[in-house]
C-alpha atoms as a PDB file:
ATOM      1  CA  MET A   1      47.450  -6.588 -25.481  1.00  0.00           C
ATOM      2  CA  GLY A   2      47.321  -5.128 -28.987  1.00  0.00           C
ATOM      3  CA  ARG A   3      47.780  -1.455 -29.678  1.00  0.00           C
ATOM      4  CA  SER A   4      44.247  -1.150 -31.143  1.00  0.00           C
ATOM      5  CA  VAL A   5      42.747  -2.546 -27.927  1.00  0.00           C
ATOM      6  CA  ARG A   6      44.767  -0.105 -25.850  1.00  0.00           C
ATOM      7  CA  ILE A   7      43.579   2.743 -28.049  1.00  0.00           C
ATOM      8  CA  ARG A   8      39.923   1.851 -27.520  1.00  0.00           C
ATOM      9  CA  ILE A   9      40.398   1.400 -23.761  1.00  0.00           C
ATOM     10  CA  ARG A  10      42.037   4.804 -23.479  1.00  0.00           C
ATOM     11  CA  GLU A  11      39.291   6.341 -25.577  1.00  0.00           C
ATOM     12  CA  PHE A  12      36.557   4.803 -23.393  1.00  0.00           C
ATOM     13  CA  TRP A  13      38.397   5.936 -20.241  1.00  0.00           C
ATOM     14  CA  GLY A  14      38.607   9.455 -21.561  1.00  0.00           C
ATOM     15  CA  ARG A  15      34.883   9.620 -22.380  1.00  0.00           C
ATOM     16  CA  CYS A  16      33.811   8.308 -18.967  1.00  0.00           C
ATOM     17  CA  PHE A  17      36.114  10.060 -16.526  1.00  0.00           C
ATOM     18  CA  ARG A  18      37.598  13.032 -18.352  1.00  0.00           C
ATOM     19  CA  GLY A  19      34.495  14.934 -19.417  1.00  0.00           C
ATOM     20  CA  GLY A  20      34.118  13.340 -22.831  1.00  0.00           C
ATOM     21  CA  TRP A  21      37.839  13.737 -23.786  1.00  0.00           C
ATOM     22  CA  SER A  22      38.814  11.953 -26.980  1.00  0.00           C
ATOM     23  CA  PHE A  23      41.897  11.660 -29.124  1.00  0.00           C
ATOM     24  CA  GLY A  24      42.594  14.298 -31.709  1.00  0.00           C
ATOM     25  CA  LYS A  25      42.404  13.275 -35.338  1.00  0.00           C
ATOM     26  CA  ALA A  26      46.119  13.688 -35.905  1.00  0.00           C
ATOM     27  CA  ARG A  27      47.028  11.661 -32.826  1.00  0.00           C
ATOM     28  CA  ARG A  28      44.620   8.888 -33.746  1.00  0.00           C
ATOM     29  CA  ASN A  29      45.903   8.693 -37.314  1.00  0.00           C
ATOM     30  CA  ALA A  30      49.454   8.476 -36.029  1.00  0.00           C
ATOM     31  CA  LEU A  31      48.606   5.619 -33.683  1.00  0.00           C
ATOM     32  CA  LEU A  32      46.671   3.795 -36.369  1.00  0.00           C
ATOM     33  CA  ALA A  33      49.553   4.244 -38.814  1.00  0.00           C
ATOM     34  CA  GLY A  34      51.866   2.511 -36.365  1.00  0.00           C
ATOM     35  CA  ALA A  35      49.384  -0.291 -35.883  1.00  0.00           C
ATOM     36  CA  ARG A  36      48.958  -0.869 -39.639  1.00  0.00           C
ATOM     37  CA  LYS A  37      52.599  -1.908 -40.012  1.00  0.00           C
ATOM     38  CA  ARG A  38      52.167  -4.878 -37.680  1.00  0.00           C
ATOM     39  CA  ALA A  39      48.515  -5.785 -38.300  1.00  0.00           C
ATOM     40  CA  ARG A  40      47.277  -8.641 -40.421  1.00  0.00           C
ATOM     41  CA  PRO A  41      44.828  -7.885 -43.263  1.00  0.00           C
ATOM     42  CA  ALA A  42      41.807  -9.180 -41.317  1.00  0.00           C
ATOM     43  CA  ALA A  43      42.869  -7.351 -38.186  1.00  0.00           C
ATOM     44  CA  LEU A  44      43.460  -4.214 -40.254  1.00  0.00           C
ATOM     45  CA  ILE A  45      39.910  -4.353 -41.588  1.00  0.00           C
ATOM     46  CA  ARG A  46      38.485  -4.679 -38.067  1.00  0.00           C
ATOM     47  CA  LEU A  47      40.707  -1.866 -36.898  1.00  0.00           C
ATOM     48  CA  LEU A  48      39.635   0.545 -39.614  1.00  0.00           C
ATOM     49  CA  SER A  49      35.918  -0.300 -39.321  1.00  0.00           C
ATOM     50  CA  PRO A  50      33.879   2.259 -37.308  1.00  0.00           C
ATOM     51  CA  ALA A  51      33.380   1.181 -33.721  1.00  0.00           C
ATOM     52  CA  PRO A  52      30.049   1.601 -31.917  1.00  0.00           C
ATOM     53  CA  PRO A  53      29.857   4.561 -29.567  1.00  0.00           C
ATOM     54  CA  LEU A  54      30.970   3.791 -26.012  1.00  0.00           C
ATOM     55  CA  THR A  55      28.987   5.250 -23.135  1.00  0.00           C
ATOM     56  CA  CYS A  56      29.386   4.819 -19.406  1.00  0.00           C
ATOM     57  CA  ARG A  57      26.199   6.509 -18.204  1.00  0.00           C
ATOM     58  CA  PRO A  58      22.567   6.310 -19.330  1.00  0.00           C
ATOM     59  CA  SER A  59      20.994   9.399 -20.782  1.00  0.00           C
ATOM     60  CA  ALA A  60      18.826  11.765 -18.746  1.00  0.00           C
ATOM     61  CA  ASP A  61      15.631  10.299 -20.247  1.00  0.00           C
ATOM     62  CA  MET A  62      16.700   6.774 -19.395  1.00  0.00           C
ATOM     63  CA  ARG A  63      17.592   7.745 -15.830  1.00  0.00           C
ATOM     64  CA  GLY A  64      14.179   9.352 -15.428  1.00  0.00           C
ATOM     65  CA  TYR A  65      12.431   6.245 -16.731  1.00  0.00           C
ATOM     66  CA  ARG A  66      14.366   3.956 -14.420  1.00  0.00           C
ATOM     67  CA  GLY A  67      13.608   6.216 -11.464  1.00  0.00           C
ATOM     68  CA  VAL A  68       9.870   6.016 -12.166  1.00  0.00           C
ATOM     69  CA  LYS A  69      10.001   2.273 -12.753  1.00  0.00           C
ATOM     70  CA  TYR A  70      11.951   1.232  -9.678  1.00  0.00           C
ATOM     71  CA  PHE A  71      10.252   3.678  -7.320  1.00  0.00           C
ATOM     72  CA  LEU A  72       6.895   2.248  -8.353  1.00  0.00           C
ATOM     73  CA  PHE A  73       8.208  -1.301  -8.012  1.00  0.00           C
ATOM     74  CA  ILE A  74       9.656  -0.741  -4.523  1.00  0.00           C
ATOM     75  CA  PHE A  75       6.520   1.036  -3.307  1.00  0.00           C
ATOM     76  CA  CYS A  76       4.211  -1.723  -4.546  1.00  0.00           C
ATOM     77  CA  TYR A  77       6.554  -4.413  -3.209  1.00  0.00           C
ATOM     78  CA  VAL A  78       6.455  -2.917   0.298  1.00  0.00           C
ATOM     79  CA  PHE A  79       2.655  -2.851   0.287  1.00  0.00           C
ATOM     80  CA  TRP A  80       2.646  -6.361  -1.172  1.00  0.00           C
ATOM     81  CA  VAL A  81       4.653  -7.683   1.775  1.00  0.00           C
ATOM     82  CA  LEU A  82       2.591  -5.737   4.338  1.00  0.00           C
ATOM     83  CA  SER A  83      -0.669  -7.066   2.903  1.00  0.00           C
ATOM     84  CA  ALA A  84       0.689 -10.625   3.046  1.00  0.00           C
ATOM     85  CA  ILE A  85       1.512 -10.100   6.730  1.00  0.00           C
ATOM     86  CA  LEU A  86      -1.993  -8.719   7.303  1.00  0.00           C
ATOM     87  CA  ILE A  87      -3.537 -11.803   5.686  1.00  0.00           C
ATOM     88  CA  ALA A  88      -1.356 -14.081   7.812  1.00  0.00           C
ATOM     89  CA  VAL A  89      -2.409 -12.263  10.994  1.00  0.00           C
ATOM     90  CA  GLY A  90      -6.087 -12.554  10.032  1.00  0.00           C
ATOM     91  CA  ILE A  91      -5.779 -16.263   9.273  1.00  0.00           C
ATOM     92  CA  TYR A  92      -3.931 -16.902  12.540  1.00  0.00           C
ATOM     93  CA  ALA A  93      -6.570 -14.983  14.541  1.00  0.00           C
ATOM     94  CA  LYS A  94      -9.358 -16.895  12.817  1.00  0.00           C
ATOM     95  CA  VAL A  95      -7.794 -20.310  13.368  1.00  0.00           C
ATOM     96  CA  ALA A  96      -6.806 -19.575  16.962  1.00  0.00           C
ATOM     97  CA  LYS A  97     -10.379 -18.834  18.040  1.00  0.00           C
ATOM     98  CA  GLU A  98     -12.035 -21.428  20.195  1.00  0.00           C
ATOM     99  CA  LYS A  99     -15.512 -20.698  18.787  1.00  0.00           C
ATOM    100  CA  ASP A 100     -16.448 -19.451  15.340  1.00  0.00           C
ATOM    101  CA  VAL A 101     -19.564 -17.511  16.267  1.00  0.00           C
ATOM    102  CA  VAL A 102     -18.905 -14.152  14.640  1.00  0.00           C
ATOM    103  CA  ASP A 103     -18.931 -14.592  10.872  1.00  0.00           C
ATOM    104  CA  THR A 104     -19.580 -11.155   9.377  1.00  0.00           C
ATOM    105  CA  LEU A 105     -17.061  -8.611   8.124  1.00  0.00           C
ATOM    106  CA  THR A 106     -18.605  -5.758  10.107  1.00  0.00           C
ATOM    107  CA  VAL A 107     -17.959  -7.251  13.551  1.00  0.00           C
ATOM    108  CA  ASP A 108     -15.164  -9.809  13.064  1.00  0.00           C
ATOM    109  CA  PRO A 109     -11.663  -8.256  13.066  1.00  0.00           C
ATOM    110  CA  ALA A 110     -10.049 -11.437  11.702  1.00  0.00           C
ATOM    111  CA  LEU A 111     -12.265 -11.544   8.615  1.00  0.00           C
ATOM    112  CA  LEU A 112     -11.800  -7.803   8.154  1.00  0.00           C
ATOM    113  CA  PHE A 113      -8.008  -8.210   8.196  1.00  0.00           C
ATOM    114  CA  MET A 114      -8.171 -11.008   5.633  1.00  0.00           C
ATOM    115  CA  ALA A 115     -10.509  -9.072   3.331  1.00  0.00           C
ATOM    116  CA  VAL A 116      -8.477  -5.848   3.406  1.00  0.00           C
ATOM    117  CA  GLY A 117      -5.212  -7.765   3.104  1.00  0.00           C
ATOM    118  CA  SER A 118      -6.422  -9.793   0.125  1.00  0.00           C
ATOM    119  CA  LEU A 119      -7.606  -6.670  -1.713  1.00  0.00           C
ATOM    120  CA  THR A 120      -4.344  -4.822  -1.057  1.00  0.00           C
ATOM    121  CA  PHE A 121      -2.297  -7.904  -2.017  1.00  0.00           C
ATOM    122  CA  SER A 122      -4.037  -8.198  -5.395  1.00  0.00           C
ATOM    123  CA  ILE A 123      -3.706  -4.513  -6.237  1.00  0.00           C
ATOM    124  CA  ALA A 124      -0.053  -4.337  -5.142  1.00  0.00           C
ATOM    125  CA  PHE A 125       0.755  -7.444  -7.192  1.00  0.00           C
ATOM    126  CA  LEU A 126      -0.532  -5.779 -10.360  1.00  0.00           C
ATOM    127  CA  GLY A 127       1.596  -2.697  -9.788  1.00  0.00           C
ATOM    128  CA  CYS A 128       4.700  -4.637  -8.706  1.00  0.00           C
ATOM    129  CA  PHE A 129       4.711  -7.133 -11.583  1.00  0.00           C
ATOM    130  CA  GLY A 130       3.599  -4.582 -14.166  1.00  0.00           C
ATOM    131  CA  ALA A 131       6.368  -2.150 -13.217  1.00  0.00           C
ATOM    132  CA  LEU A 132       9.059  -4.836 -13.253  1.00  0.00           C
ATOM    133  CA  ARG A 133       8.037  -6.490 -16.524  1.00  0.00           C
ATOM    134  CA  ASN A 134       6.999  -3.311 -18.377  1.00  0.00           C
ATOM    135  CA  ALA A 135       3.502  -4.722 -18.882  1.00  0.00           C
ATOM    136  CA  THR A 136       1.214  -1.885 -19.925  1.00  0.00           C
ATOM    137  CA  CYS A 137      -1.936  -3.967 -19.441  1.00  0.00           C
ATOM    138  CA  LEU A 138      -1.117  -4.559 -15.752  1.00  0.00           C
ATOM    139  CA  LEU A 139      -0.013  -0.971 -15.220  1.00  0.00           C
ATOM    140  CA  LYS A 140      -3.220   0.417 -16.711  1.00  0.00           C
ATOM    141  CA  THR A 141      -5.319  -1.997 -14.659  1.00  0.00           C
ATOM    142  CA  PHE A 142      -3.426  -0.974 -11.520  1.00  0.00           C
ATOM    143  CA  ALA A 143      -3.925   2.734 -12.247  1.00  0.00           C
ATOM    144  CA  SER A 144      -7.612   2.220 -13.081  1.00  0.00           C
ATOM    145  CA  ILE A 145      -8.257   0.395  -9.796  1.00  0.00           C
ATOM    146  CA  LEU A 146      -6.527   3.173  -7.850  1.00  0.00           C
ATOM    147  CA  ALA A 147      -8.579   5.782  -9.692  1.00  0.00           C
ATOM    148  CA  THR A 148     -11.779   3.894  -8.843  1.00  0.00           C
ATOM    149  CA  LEU A 149     -10.814   3.651  -5.172  1.00  0.00           C
ATOM    150  CA  LEU A 150      -9.959   7.336  -5.168  1.00  0.00           C
ATOM    151  CA  LEU A 151     -13.372   8.264  -6.536  1.00  0.00           C
ATOM    152  CA  LEU A 152     -15.101   5.975  -4.031  1.00  0.00           C
ATOM    153  CA  GLN A 153     -13.212   7.550  -1.141  1.00  0.00           C
ATOM    154  CA  LEU A 154     -14.046  11.065  -2.282  1.00  0.00           C
ATOM    155  CA  THR A 155     -17.700  10.109  -2.749  1.00  0.00           C
ATOM    156  CA  ALA A 156     -17.845   8.502   0.699  1.00  0.00           C
ATOM    157  CA  GLY A 157     -16.260  11.580   2.268  1.00  0.00           C
ATOM    158  CA  VAL A 158     -18.730  13.960   0.612  1.00  0.00           C
ATOM    159  CA  LEU A 159     -21.739  11.786   1.478  1.00  0.00           C
ATOM    160  CA  GLY A 160     -20.507  11.363   5.046  1.00  0.00           C
ATOM    161  CA  TYR A 161     -20.192  15.124   5.440  1.00  0.00           C
ATOM    162  CA  VAL A 162     -23.616  15.816   3.933  1.00  0.00           C
ATOM    163  CA  PHE A 163     -25.476  13.028   5.752  1.00  0.00           C
ATOM    164  CA  THR A 164     -23.695  13.232   9.103  1.00  0.00           C
ATOM    165  CA  ASP A 165     -26.771  12.293  11.147  1.00  0.00           C
ATOM    166  CA  ALA A 166     -27.463   9.196   9.074  1.00  0.00           C
ATOM    167  CA  VAL A 167     -23.828   8.127   9.363  1.00  0.00           C
ATOM    168  CA  MET A 168     -23.876   8.533  13.135  1.00  0.00           C
ATOM    169  CA  GLU A 169     -27.093   6.530  13.383  1.00  0.00           C
ATOM    170  CA  ARG A 170     -25.580   3.757  11.264  1.00  0.00           C
ATOM    171  CA  THR A 171     -22.470   3.807  13.447  1.00  0.00           C
ATOM    172  CA  ARG A 172     -24.589   3.473  16.590  1.00  0.00           C
ATOM    173  CA  ARG A 173     -26.340   0.431  15.136  1.00  0.00           C
ATOM    174  CA  LEU A 174     -23.053  -1.189  14.263  1.00  0.00           C
ATOM    175  CA  MET A 175     -21.668  -0.496  17.728  1.00  0.00           C
ATOM    176  CA  MET A 176     -24.801  -1.953  19.292  1.00  0.00           C
ATOM    177  CA  LYS A 177     -24.240  -5.158  17.327  1.00  0.00           C
ATOM    178  CA  THR A 178     -20.787  -5.404  18.801  1.00  0.00           C
ATOM    179  CA  VAL A 179     -22.240  -4.955  22.294  1.00  0.00           C
ATOM    180  CA  LEU A 180     -24.620  -7.848  21.665  1.00  0.00           C
ATOM    181  CA  ARG A 181     -21.698 -10.040  20.524  1.00  0.00           C
ATOM    182  CA  TYR A 182     -19.584  -9.340  23.609  1.00  0.00           C
ATOM    183  CA  ARG A 183     -18.288 -12.483  25.344  1.00  0.00           C
ATOM    184  CA  GLU A 184     -18.861 -14.503  22.155  1.00  0.00           C
ATOM    185  CA  ASP A 185     -15.634 -13.533  20.402  1.00  0.00           C
ATOM    186  CA  ARG A 186     -12.323 -12.995  22.169  1.00  0.00           C
ATOM    187  CA  ASP A 187     -10.905 -10.572  19.579  1.00  0.00           C
ATOM    188  CA  LEU A 188     -14.060  -8.465  19.581  1.00  0.00           C
ATOM    189  CA  GLU A 189     -14.140  -8.454  23.365  1.00  0.00           C
ATOM    190  CA  ASN A 190     -10.554  -7.196  23.557  1.00  0.00           C
ATOM    191  CA  ALA A 191     -11.298  -4.481  20.995  1.00  0.00           C
ATOM    192  CA  ILE A 192     -14.326  -3.222  22.961  1.00  0.00           C
ATOM    193  CA  ASP A 193     -12.404  -3.225  26.233  1.00  0.00           C
ATOM    194  CA  PHE A 194      -9.565  -1.270  24.621  1.00  0.00           C
ATOM    195  CA  VAL A 195     -11.930   1.402  23.244  1.00  0.00           C
ATOM    196  CA  GLN A 196     -13.779   1.780  26.550  1.00  0.00           C
ATOM    197  CA  ARG A 197     -10.567   2.116  28.573  1.00  0.00           C
ATOM    198  CA  LYS A 198      -8.944   4.453  26.046  1.00  0.00           C
ATOM    199  CA  LEU A 199     -11.938   6.812  25.623  1.00  0.00           C
ATOM    200  CA  ARG A 200     -13.191   6.378  29.212  1.00  0.00           C
ATOM    201  CA  CYS A 201     -16.680   5.438  28.094  1.00  0.00           C
ATOM    202  CA  CYS A 202     -19.179   2.621  28.630  1.00  0.00           C
ATOM    203  CA  GLY A 203     -21.695   1.234  26.132  1.00  0.00           C
ATOM    204  CA  VAL A 204     -22.958   3.037  23.053  1.00  0.00           C
ATOM    205  CA  ASP A 205     -25.129   5.807  24.574  1.00  0.00           C
ATOM    206  CA  GLY A 206     -24.561   4.987  28.245  1.00  0.00           C
ATOM    207  CA  PHE A 207     -23.629   2.272  30.715  1.00  0.00           C
ATOM    208  CA  LYS A 208     -27.166   0.828  30.756  1.00  0.00           C
ATOM    209  CA  ASP A 209     -26.826  -0.262  27.116  1.00  0.00           C
ATOM    210  CA  TRP A 210     -25.131  -3.386  28.450  1.00  0.00           C
ATOM    211  CA  SER A 211     -28.520  -4.629  29.608  1.00  0.00           C
ATOM    212  CA  ARG A 212     -29.140  -5.657  25.977  1.00  0.00           C
ATOM    213  CA  ASN A 213     -26.361  -8.233  26.215  1.00  0.00           C
ATOM    214  CA  VAL A 214     -27.518 -11.653  27.420  1.00  0.00           C
ATOM    215  CA  TYR A 215     -24.692 -11.874  29.974  1.00  0.00           C
ATOM    216  CA  PHE A 216     -25.341  -8.433  31.516  1.00  0.00           C
ATOM    217  CA  GLN A 217     -29.143  -8.335  31.078  1.00  0.00           C
ATOM    218  CA  CYS A 218     -30.767  -6.956  34.194  1.00  0.00           C
ATOM    219  CA  SER A 219     -33.689  -9.344  34.837  1.00  0.00           C
ATOM    220  CA  ASP A 220     -34.630 -11.888  37.465  1.00  0.00           C
ATOM    221  CA  SER A 221     -34.571 -14.717  34.913  1.00  0.00           C
ATOM    222  CA  ASN A 222     -30.929 -14.117  33.978  1.00  0.00           C
ATOM    223  CA  PRO A 223     -28.771 -16.794  35.661  1.00  0.00           C
ATOM    224  CA  SER A 224     -25.477 -15.069  34.783  1.00  0.00           C
ATOM    225  CA  LEU A 225     -23.238 -13.852  37.605  1.00  0.00           C
ATOM    226  CA  GLU A 226     -22.711 -10.632  35.636  1.00  0.00           C
ATOM    227  CA  ALA A 227     -26.423  -9.793  35.503  1.00  0.00           C
ATOM    228  CA  CYS A 228     -27.128  -6.070  35.974  1.00  0.00           C
ATOM    229  CA  GLY A 229     -23.411  -5.368  35.648  1.00  0.00           C
ATOM    230  CA  VAL A 230     -20.991  -3.884  33.113  1.00  0.00           C
ATOM    231  CA  PRO A 231     -17.568  -5.037  31.824  1.00  0.00           C
ATOM    232  CA  PHE A 232     -14.555  -4.220  33.981  1.00  0.00           C
ATOM    233  CA  SER A 233     -13.262  -1.868  31.246  1.00  0.00           C
ATOM    234  CA  CYS A 234     -16.074   0.553  32.180  1.00  0.00           C
ATOM    235  CA  CYS A 235     -14.806   0.956  35.736  1.00  0.00           C
ATOM    236  CA  VAL A 236     -12.884   3.990  36.901  1.00  0.00           C
ATOM    237  CA  PRO A 237      -9.419   2.614  37.719  1.00  0.00           C
ATOM    238  CA  PRO A 238      -8.275   3.491  41.250  1.00  0.00           C
ATOM    239  CA  ALA A 239      -4.898   5.087  41.779  1.00  0.00           C
ATOM    240  CA  ASN A 240      -1.845   2.796  41.820  1.00  0.00           C
ATOM    241  CA  GLN A 241      -3.833  -0.210  40.594  1.00  0.00           C
ATOM    242  CA  THR A 242      -1.643  -2.937  39.077  1.00  0.00           C
ATOM    243  CA  VAL A 243      -4.107  -5.838  38.681  1.00  0.00           C
ATOM    244  CA  PRO A 244      -7.550  -4.950  37.233  1.00  0.00           C
ATOM    245  CA  ASN A 245     -10.592  -5.938  39.263  1.00  0.00           C
ATOM    246  CA  THR A 246     -12.817  -7.902  36.862  1.00  0.00           C
ATOM    247  CA  MET A 247     -15.759  -7.785  39.306  1.00  0.00           C
ATOM    248  CA  CYS A 248     -15.818  -4.018  39.756  1.00  0.00           C
ATOM    249  CA  GLY A 249     -18.844  -3.561  37.478  1.00  0.00           C
ATOM    250  CA  PHE A 250     -21.175  -6.083  39.143  1.00  0.00           C
ATOM    251  CA  GLY A 251     -24.623  -4.636  39.941  1.00  0.00           C
ATOM    252  CA  THR A 252     -23.825  -1.202  38.458  1.00  0.00           C
ATOM    253  CA  GLN A 253     -27.045  -0.992  36.407  1.00  0.00           C
ATOM    254  CA  LEU A 254     -29.124  -1.108  39.589  1.00  0.00           C
ATOM    255  CA  HIS A 255     -27.783   2.284  40.675  1.00  0.00           C
ATOM    256  CA  PRO A 256     -28.846   5.683  39.324  1.00  0.00           C
ATOM    257  CA  ARG A 257     -26.451   7.655  37.151  1.00  0.00           C
ATOM    258  CA  GLU A 258     -25.336   9.974  39.975  1.00  0.00           C
ATOM    259  CA  LEU A 259     -24.238   7.044  42.109  1.00  0.00           C
ATOM    260  CA  ALA A 260     -22.908   4.854  39.274  1.00  0.00           C
ATOM    261  CA  GLU A 261     -20.580   7.525  37.898  1.00  0.00           C
ATOM    262  CA  ARG A 262     -18.479   7.210  41.060  1.00  0.00           C
ATOM    263  CA  HIS A 263     -17.408   3.737  39.965  1.00  0.00           C
ATOM    264  CA  VAL A 264     -17.860   3.558  36.162  1.00  0.00           C
ATOM    265  CA  PHE A 265     -17.740   5.876  33.159  1.00  0.00           C
ATOM    266  CA  PRO A 266     -21.384   6.866  32.525  1.00  0.00           C
ATOM    267  CA  ASP A 267     -21.027   8.378  29.036  1.00  0.00           C
ATOM    268  CA  GLY A 268     -21.419   6.338  25.860  1.00  0.00           C
ATOM    269  CA  CYS A 269     -18.624   5.647  23.385  1.00  0.00           C
ATOM    270  CA  ALA A 270     -20.522   7.086  20.402  1.00  0.00           C
ATOM    271  CA  GLU A 271     -20.485  10.554  21.961  1.00  0.00           C
ATOM    272  CA  LYS A 272     -16.823  10.167  22.915  1.00  0.00           C
ATOM    273  CA  ILE A 273     -15.817   9.137  19.396  1.00  0.00           C
ATOM    274  CA  ALA A 274     -17.694  12.091  17.883  1.00  0.00           C
ATOM    275  CA  GLY A 275     -16.002  14.450  20.339  1.00  0.00           C
ATOM    276  CA  TRP A 276     -12.567  13.005  19.598  1.00  0.00           C
ATOM    277  CA  LEU A 277     -13.092  13.463  15.859  1.00  0.00           C
ATOM    278  CA  GLY A 278     -14.210  17.046  16.442  1.00  0.00           C
ATOM    279  CA  GLN A 279     -11.081  17.819  18.474  1.00  0.00           C
ATOM    280  CA  ASN A 280      -8.727  16.117  16.022  1.00  0.00           C
ATOM    281  CA  VAL A 281     -10.409  17.096  12.770  1.00  0.00           C
ATOM    282  CA  LYS A 282      -7.194  18.632  11.406  1.00  0.00           C
ATOM    283  CA  MET A 283      -5.214  15.469  12.053  1.00  0.00           C
ATOM    284  CA  ALA A 284      -7.935  13.289  10.506  1.00  0.00           C
ATOM    285  CA  ALA A 285      -8.142  15.582   7.470  1.00  0.00           C
ATOM    286  CA  GLY A 286      -4.345  15.523   7.126  1.00  0.00           C
ATOM    287  CA  LEU A 287      -4.215  11.723   7.212  1.00  0.00           C
ATOM    288  CA  ALA A 288      -7.023  11.448   4.674  1.00  0.00           C
ATOM    289  CA  GLY A 289      -5.413  14.065   2.409  1.00  0.00           C
ATOM    290  CA  GLY A 290      -2.022  12.347   2.660  1.00  0.00           C
ATOM    291  CA  LEU A 291      -3.557   9.023   1.697  1.00  0.00           C
ATOM    292  CA  LEU A 292      -5.311  10.549  -1.304  1.00  0.00           C
ATOM    293  CA  LEU A 293      -2.129  12.360  -2.386  1.00  0.00           C
ATOM    294  CA  LEU A 294      -0.155   9.119  -2.141  1.00  0.00           C
ATOM    295  CA  GLU A 295      -2.690   7.301  -4.289  1.00  0.00           C
ATOM    296  CA  ILE A 296      -2.584  10.088  -6.878  1.00  0.00           C
ATOM    297  CA  CYS A 297       1.238   9.982  -7.025  1.00  0.00           C
ATOM    298  CA  VAL A 298       1.370   6.205  -7.454  1.00  0.00           C
ATOM    299  CA  MET A 299      -1.384   6.294 -10.066  1.00  0.00           C
ATOM    300  CA  SER A 300       0.484   9.008 -11.979  1.00  0.00           C
ATOM    301  CA  LEU A 301       3.708   6.984 -11.916  1.00  0.00           C
ATOM    302  CA  ALA A 302       1.919   3.932 -13.305  1.00  0.00           C
ATOM    303  CA  TRP A 303       0.356   5.952 -16.141  1.00  0.00           C
ATOM    304  CA  ALA A 304       3.705   7.633 -16.887  1.00  0.00           C
ATOM    305  CA  GLN A 305       5.496   4.305 -17.228  1.00  0.00           C
ATOM    306  CA  ALA A 306       2.708   2.885 -19.403  1.00  0.00           C
ATOM    307  CA  CYS A 307       2.822   5.924 -21.708  1.00  0.00           C
ATOM    308  CA  TRP A 308       6.602   5.671 -21.931  1.00  0.00           C
ATOM    309  CA  ILE A 309       6.412   2.015 -22.974  1.00  0.00           C
ATOM    310  CA  ASN A 310       3.707   2.758 -25.553  1.00  0.00           C
ATOM    311  CA  LYS A 311       5.915   5.478 -27.016  1.00  0.00           C
ATOM    312  CA  VAL A 312       8.760   3.006 -27.457  1.00  0.00           C
ATOM    313  CA  ARG A 313       6.430   0.464 -29.008  1.00  0.00           C
ATOM    314  CA  ARG A 314       5.188   3.018 -31.537  1.00  0.00           C
ATOM    315  CA  ARG A 315       8.771   3.671 -32.533  1.00  0.00           C
ATOM    316  CA  ARG A 316       9.304  -0.031 -32.979  1.00  0.00           C
ATOM    317  CA  ARG A 317       6.217  -0.336 -35.164  1.00  0.00           C
ATOM    318  CA  LYS A 318       7.411   2.487 -37.403  1.00  0.00           C
ATOM    319  CA  HIS A 319      10.860   0.917 -37.684  1.00  0.00           C
ATOM    320  CA  ARG A 320       9.445  -2.507 -38.506  1.00  0.00           C
ATOM    321  CA  ALA A 321       7.026  -1.008 -40.978  1.00  0.00           C
ATOM    322  CA  ALA A 322       9.984   0.548 -42.741  1.00  0.00           C
ATOM    323  CA  LEU A 323      11.783  -2.795 -42.779  1.00  0.00           C
ATOM    324  CA  ALA A 324       8.643  -4.592 -43.946  1.00  0.00           C
ATOM    325  CA  SER A 325       8.557  -2.481 -47.063  1.00  0.00           C
ATOM    326  CA  LYS A 326      11.946  -3.963 -48.000  1.00  0.00           C
ATOM    327  CA  SER A 327      11.394  -7.494 -46.720  1.00  0.00           C
ATOM    328  CA  ALA A 328       8.132  -9.447 -46.655  1.00  0.00           C
ATOM    329  CA  SER A 329       9.082 -11.490 -43.576  1.00  0.00           C
ATOM    330  CA  HIS A 330       9.524  -9.748 -40.271  1.00  0.00           C
ATOM    331  CA  LYS A 331       9.389 -10.920 -36.693  1.00  0.00           C
ATOM    332  CA  LYS A 332       6.175 -10.495 -34.734  1.00  0.00           C
ATOM    333  CA  GLU A 333       6.259  -7.900 -31.970  1.00  0.00           C
ATOM    334  CA  ASP A 334       6.861  -9.222 -28.478  1.00  0.00           C
ATOM    335  CA  VAL A 335       4.085  -8.931 -25.932  1.00  0.00           C
ATOM    336  CA  TRP A 336       6.493  -8.626 -22.991  1.00  0.00           C
ATOM    337  CA  LEU A 337       9.353  -6.165 -23.015  1.00  0.00           C
ATOM    338  CA  PRO A 338      12.573  -7.188 -21.269  1.00  0.00           C
ATOM    339  CA  ALA A 339      12.733  -6.318 -17.576  1.00  0.00           C
ATOM    340  CA  PHE A 340      15.903  -4.264 -18.130  1.00  0.00           C
ATOM    341  CA  ALA A 341      15.136  -2.820 -21.557  1.00  0.00           C
ATOM    342  CA  ASP A 342      17.310   0.111 -22.580  1.00  0.00           C
ATOM    343  CA  PHE A 343      14.911   2.485 -24.296  1.00  0.00           C
ATOM    344  CA  ASP A 344      17.747   4.741 -25.506  1.00  0.00           C
ATOM    345  CA  ALA A 345      18.412   2.310 -28.321  1.00  0.00           C
ATOM    346  CA  GLN A 346      14.836   2.447 -29.613  1.00  0.00           C
END
């Protein structure tokens, strides 16, 4: 290994691990004087030519840019994968059904999973690919979509607070539609049973709401075995019960409320849901505020990276404009920046 190579290695080592230490001028001249005696003319020219500065760490600005870029990429990538899983679950639930009776987003969990998953997948793809490839058009689109969703959520929250009665009435109608669809969709049936067991409720406003379902309709012309009954999830579970009794709700609608409440939950689920929200309003507000804060942070990161890239591009335009004044031919500006562009050199 030549002496000049050893000099540069020692100089680089000193800058990286010894706090920016470098050779003194006298020491360097002495080492170069010894190298000149044995160097060829061409090697002497290369030796005496100024070497580019050697650095082992990126600058503070570059570290900040990379932190913004890769945090945004990892965050969007995680949501990208989760949304793909959500779409797969929705497709599997839709294909696995024996009957395709429910076909609306409001009452079909499988279609709802696919719709929400597809929307999240598209938005996360814009942020993930835009952050990795330094594409300002994708980053601005991603930030604009998040800003639109943020405004829609705030508007929905304000309108829901102002028109609480109308929202509750709309919720009751939607829940009544699910009651009418019971027994026609396995996923919907499981969801209703889970809510009724968890909240200890039955029907929308009371246990007699199940008379609107064709299977539980209380009339002499109804040939169903479950006529005048309620689902087993409405029944009060006895102590130490291991296997649920699916026939516990038969004939419950024929009894008055005072007698029926010994065996089933008489209150409706709409009242229970409203009471649960009233008791856990702080938790619901905290979750909603956390979601909004997360959206604001991600949107800010996307705008920060886009502004950073535009700043670098403006510097490039000024540099090329200066070169164009000396030379008529210059290379056209690239649309895509390199994925690992070092902006310190711009």
